[in-house]
Amino acid sequence: MSYKANVYNVMIASPSDVAKERTKVVEALAEWNRHNTAERKCVFLPLRWEEDSAARMGCPPQETLNRQLCERSDMLIAIFWTRLGTPTEGFASGTVEEIEYHLKANKPVMLYFCDRDIPMDTDRTQLEKLKEYRKSVENKALYHTFKRAADLKNLLLNQLRTAVITDEPFVTDCKKLASNEKEETDKKRPNLWIEINDADEIQLILPK
């Protein structure tokens, strides 16, 4: 039997040292969709610069990513390990800029730090910048830590279940919403949804 589900684009942000972890996030989203979409009526689709951006000249790379990915996404998953990333105009790194972009747009951000052992050849300047950033967000964010890429996948699966049950992916204000505020939040949810039939065929349904 076919059913409708809201589609949410999830941008995956990180420096270059967590490629395995980025893949595990994609796996976690796919697994969540398989087991929860029918019941929860929502689908999480990953957005990654390596697969979902197009080459373009004429403006800085980060500005292009902001236009092509940040504007499309509904929420952000950010991952750090040994690097903060390459600085951009006005921000400590591209990843930090993507985080701030989402926060400014009132889009949810899920933040994770890897506490795995640091390799001997790690760029110490990058590591110190990351430590400074992590300390700067300690009182402004509830972030989580992990050691292995597989641990991140399991952690994210559990937290997505919790977030969807409590409506957290769609509520970014820390205060408890009143009923009228909740209604306004619902209005901001995507009007794009999918329909899945018995043959597992997916059809995008556009708003009328």
Protein backbone atom coordinates (compact mmCIF):
# COMPACT_ATOMS: atom_id res chain seq x y z
CA MET A 1 0.00 0.00 0.00
CA SER A 2 1.37 3.40 -0.94
CA TYR A 3 1.70 6.24 1.57
CA LYS A 4 2.87 9.84 1.69
CA ALA A 5 5.86 11.11 3.66
CA ASN A 6 7.53 14.50 4.11
CA VAL A 7 11.05 14.74 2.69
CA TYR A 8 13.80 16.52 4.64
CA ASN A 9 17.20 17.29 3.13
CA VAL A 10 20.02 16.67 5.62
CA MET A 11 23.33 18.37 4.86
CA ILE A 12 26.45 16.58 6.10
CA ALA A 13 29.18 19.07 7.04
CA SER A 14 32.76 18.29 8.05
CA PRO A 15 36.43 18.90 7.30
CA SER A 16 38.30 16.38 5.15
CA ASP A 17 39.51 14.04 7.92
CA VAL A 18 36.21 12.21 8.57
CA ALA A 19 35.38 10.60 5.22
CA LYS A 20 34.39 7.29 6.83
CA GLU A 21 32.12 9.05 9.27
CA ARG A 22 30.38 10.93 6.45
CA THR A 23 29.62 7.60 4.79
CA LYS A 24 28.24 6.22 8.05
CA VAL A 25 25.86 9.16 8.33
CA VAL A 26 24.49 8.33 4.87
CA GLU A 27 24.08 4.71 5.96
CA ALA A 28 22.32 5.77 9.14
CA LEU A 29 19.84 7.95 7.25
CA ALA A 30 19.11 5.13 4.79
CA GLU A 31 18.58 2.63 7.61
CA TRP A 32 16.33 5.04 9.51
CA ASN A 33 14.24 5.52 6.37
CA ARG A 34 13.86 1.77 5.83
CA HIS A 35 12.61 1.09 9.32
CA ASN A 36 10.72 4.26 10.22
CA THR A 37 9.33 6.05 7.16
CA ALA A 38 6.06 4.09 7.02
CA GLU A 39 5.31 4.81 10.68
CA ARG A 40 6.73 8.32 11.04
CA LYS A 41 5.85 9.57 7.54
CA CYS A 42 9.13 11.40 7.02
CA VAL A 43 12.24 10.69 4.96
CA PHE A 44 15.77 12.03 5.51
CA LEU A 45 17.81 12.52 2.32
CA PRO A 46 21.57 13.24 2.62
CA LEU A 47 23.18 16.25 0.96
CA ARG A 48 26.96 16.07 0.43
CA TRP A 49 29.16 18.45 -1.52
CA GLU A 50 30.97 15.56 -3.24
CA GLU A 51 27.72 14.27 -4.78
CA ASP A 52 25.19 17.09 -4.67
CA SER A 53 27.10 20.18 -5.81
CA ALA A 54 27.92 21.33 -9.34
CA ALA A 55 31.20 22.87 -10.54
CA ARG A 56 31.05 26.64 -10.91
CA MET A 57 33.49 29.49 -11.51
CA GLY A 58 33.03 33.15 -10.69
CA CYS A 59 32.51 33.08 -6.92
CA PRO A 60 34.25 31.55 -3.88
CA PRO A 61 33.71 27.79 -3.42
CA GLN A 62 31.98 28.17 -0.07
CA GLU A 63 29.52 30.69 -1.46
CA THR A 64 28.64 28.19 -4.17
CA LEU A 65 28.11 25.45 -1.59
CA ASN A 66 25.95 27.76 0.48
CA ARG A 67 23.71 28.42 -2.51
CA GLN A 68 23.60 24.86 -3.80
CA LEU A 69 23.40 22.95 -0.51
CA CYS A 70 22.76 25.13 2.54
CA GLU A 71 19.76 26.83 0.98
CA ARG A 72 18.25 23.44 0.05
CA SER A 73 18.82 21.69 3.34
CA ASP A 74 16.37 21.45 6.23
CA MET A 75 18.89 20.43 8.89
CA LEU A 76 22.63 19.90 9.32
CA ILE A 77 24.78 17.11 10.77
CA ALA A 78 28.30 18.38 11.53
CA ILE A 79 31.28 16.16 12.38
CA PHE A 80 34.79 17.03 13.64
CA TRP A 81 37.87 14.99 14.57
CA THR A 82 41.35 16.53 14.16
CA ARG A 83 40.66 19.50 11.89
CA LEU A 84 38.49 22.59 12.02
CA GLY A 85 38.82 23.06 8.28
CA THR A 86 39.88 25.65 5.71
CA PRO A 87 39.09 29.28 6.64
CA THR A 88 36.55 31.18 4.56
CA GLU A 89 35.84 34.88 4.30
CA GLY A 90 34.54 35.83 7.72
CA PHE A 91 34.57 32.34 9.31
CA ALA A 92 37.12 30.03 10.88
CA SER A 93 36.29 27.27 8.37
CA GLY A 94 33.80 26.20 5.73
CA THR A 95 32.19 23.79 8.16
CA VAL A 96 31.81 26.51 10.78
CA GLU A 97 30.25 28.77 8.15
CA GLU A 98 27.76 26.04 7.23
CA ILE A 99 26.86 25.59 10.88
CA GLU A 100 26.33 29.32 11.36
CA TYR A 101 24.34 29.52 8.12
CA HIS A 102 21.89 26.93 9.41
CA LEU A 103 21.63 28.49 12.86
CA LYS A 104 20.97 31.92 11.35
CA ALA A 105 18.26 30.39 9.16
CA ASN A 106 16.73 28.72 12.24
CA LYS A 107 17.52 25.26 10.89
CA PRO A 108 18.48 22.46 13.34
CA VAL A 109 22.13 21.46 13.75
CA MET A 110 23.29 18.13 15.21
CA LEU A 111 26.95 18.37 16.29
CA TYR A 112 29.38 15.48 16.83
CA PHE A 113 33.06 15.27 17.84
CA CYS A 114 35.24 12.21 17.34
CA ASP A 115 37.42 11.39 20.39
CA ARG A 116 39.48 8.71 18.63
CA ASP A 117 43.26 8.76 19.20
CA ILE A 118 45.00 11.56 17.31
CA PRO A 119 47.47 10.44 14.57
CA MET A 120 51.12 11.47 14.95
CA ASP A 121 51.10 13.42 11.67
CA THR A 122 48.12 15.57 12.66
CA ASP A 123 48.31 19.26 11.80
CA ARG A 124 48.71 20.72 15.29
CA THR A 125 47.57 24.17 14.23
CA GLN A 126 44.32 22.71 12.96
CA LEU A 127 43.94 20.63 16.11
CA GLU A 128 44.36 23.68 18.36
CA LYS A 129 41.80 25.64 16.33
CA LEU A 130 39.37 22.74 16.69
CA LYS A 131 39.92 22.62 20.44
CA GLU A 132 39.20 26.35 20.66
CA TYR A 133 36.01 25.96 18.66
CA ARG A 134 34.83 23.00 20.72
CA LYS A 135 35.40 24.98 23.91
CA SER A 136 33.51 27.95 22.44
CA VAL A 137 30.34 25.90 21.88
CA GLU A 138 30.33 23.98 25.17
CA ASN A 139 27.79 26.32 26.76
CA LYS A 140 25.79 26.87 23.57
CA ALA A 141 25.18 23.36 22.28
CA LEU A 142 24.42 19.82 23.37
CA TYR A 143 26.92 17.89 21.28
CA HIS A 144 27.89 14.22 21.40
CA THR A 145 31.16 12.35 21.08
CA PHE A 146 32.13 8.99 19.57
CA LYS A 147 35.28 6.97 18.86
CA ARG A 148 34.54 4.75 15.84
CA ALA A 149 32.67 5.53 12.65
CA ALA A 150 30.30 2.64 13.42
CA ASP A 151 29.60 4.20 16.80
CA LEU A 152 28.52 7.41 15.09
CA LYS A 153 26.06 5.49 12.93
CA ASN A 154 24.45 3.81 15.96
CA LEU A 155 24.45 7.07 17.91
CA LEU A 156 22.78 8.94 15.08
CA LEU A 157 20.14 6.23 14.56
CA ASN A 158 19.12 6.41 18.21
CA GLN A 159 19.10 10.19 18.26
CA LEU A 160 17.07 10.50 15.08
CA ARG A 161 14.41 8.28 16.62
CA THR A 162 14.36 10.46 19.73
CA ALA A 163 14.36 13.66 17.71
CA VAL A 164 11.47 12.64 15.47
CA ILE A 165 9.37 11.38 18.38
CA THR A 166 9.85 14.68 20.22
CA ASP A 167 9.57 16.74 17.01
CA GLU A 168 13.10 18.09 17.57
CA PRO A 169 14.28 18.14 13.93
CA PHE A 170 11.69 20.78 13.19
CA VAL A 171 11.90 22.90 16.35
CA THR A 172 15.00 25.03 16.89
CA ASP A 173 13.83 27.31 19.69
CA CYS A 174 15.01 26.18 23.12
CA LYS A 175 11.80 27.22 24.88
CA LYS A 176 8.81 24.92 24.99
CA LEU A 177 6.44 25.85 22.19
CA ALA A 178 2.96 27.03 22.96
CA SER A 179 0.18 25.56 20.86
CA ASN A 180 -0.01 28.56 18.53
CA GLU A 181 3.79 28.55 18.06
CA LYS A 182 3.69 24.84 17.27
CA GLU A 183 1.15 25.55 14.56
CA GLU A 184 3.44 28.16 13.01
CA THR A 185 6.32 25.68 13.05
CA ASP A 186 4.21 23.09 11.24
CA LYS A 187 3.51 25.61 8.49
CA LYS A 188 7.24 25.80 7.78
CA ARG A 189 7.54 22.08 7.08
CA PRO A 190 8.23 21.05 3.50
CA ASN A 191 5.37 20.87 1.04
CA LEU A 192 7.31 18.29 -0.94
CA TRP A 193 6.61 14.68 -0.06
CA ILE A 194 7.03 11.23 -1.51
CA GLU A 195 4.68 8.36 -2.19
CA ILE A 196 5.94 4.79 -1.84
CA ASN A 197 3.95 1.92 -3.30
CA ASP A 198 3.99 -1.84 -2.73
CA ALA A 199 6.79 -2.30 -5.28
CA ASP A 200 9.00 0.11 -3.27
CA GLU A 201 8.79 2.63 -6.11
CA ILE A 202 9.26 6.23 -4.99
CA GLN A 203 7.38 9.12 -6.57
CA LEU A 204 7.97 12.77 -5.67
CA ILE A 205 4.75 14.68 -5.09
CA LEU A 206 4.95 18.44 -5.68
CA PRO A 207 2.68 20.97 -3.95
CA LYS A 208 -0.33 22.13 -5.91
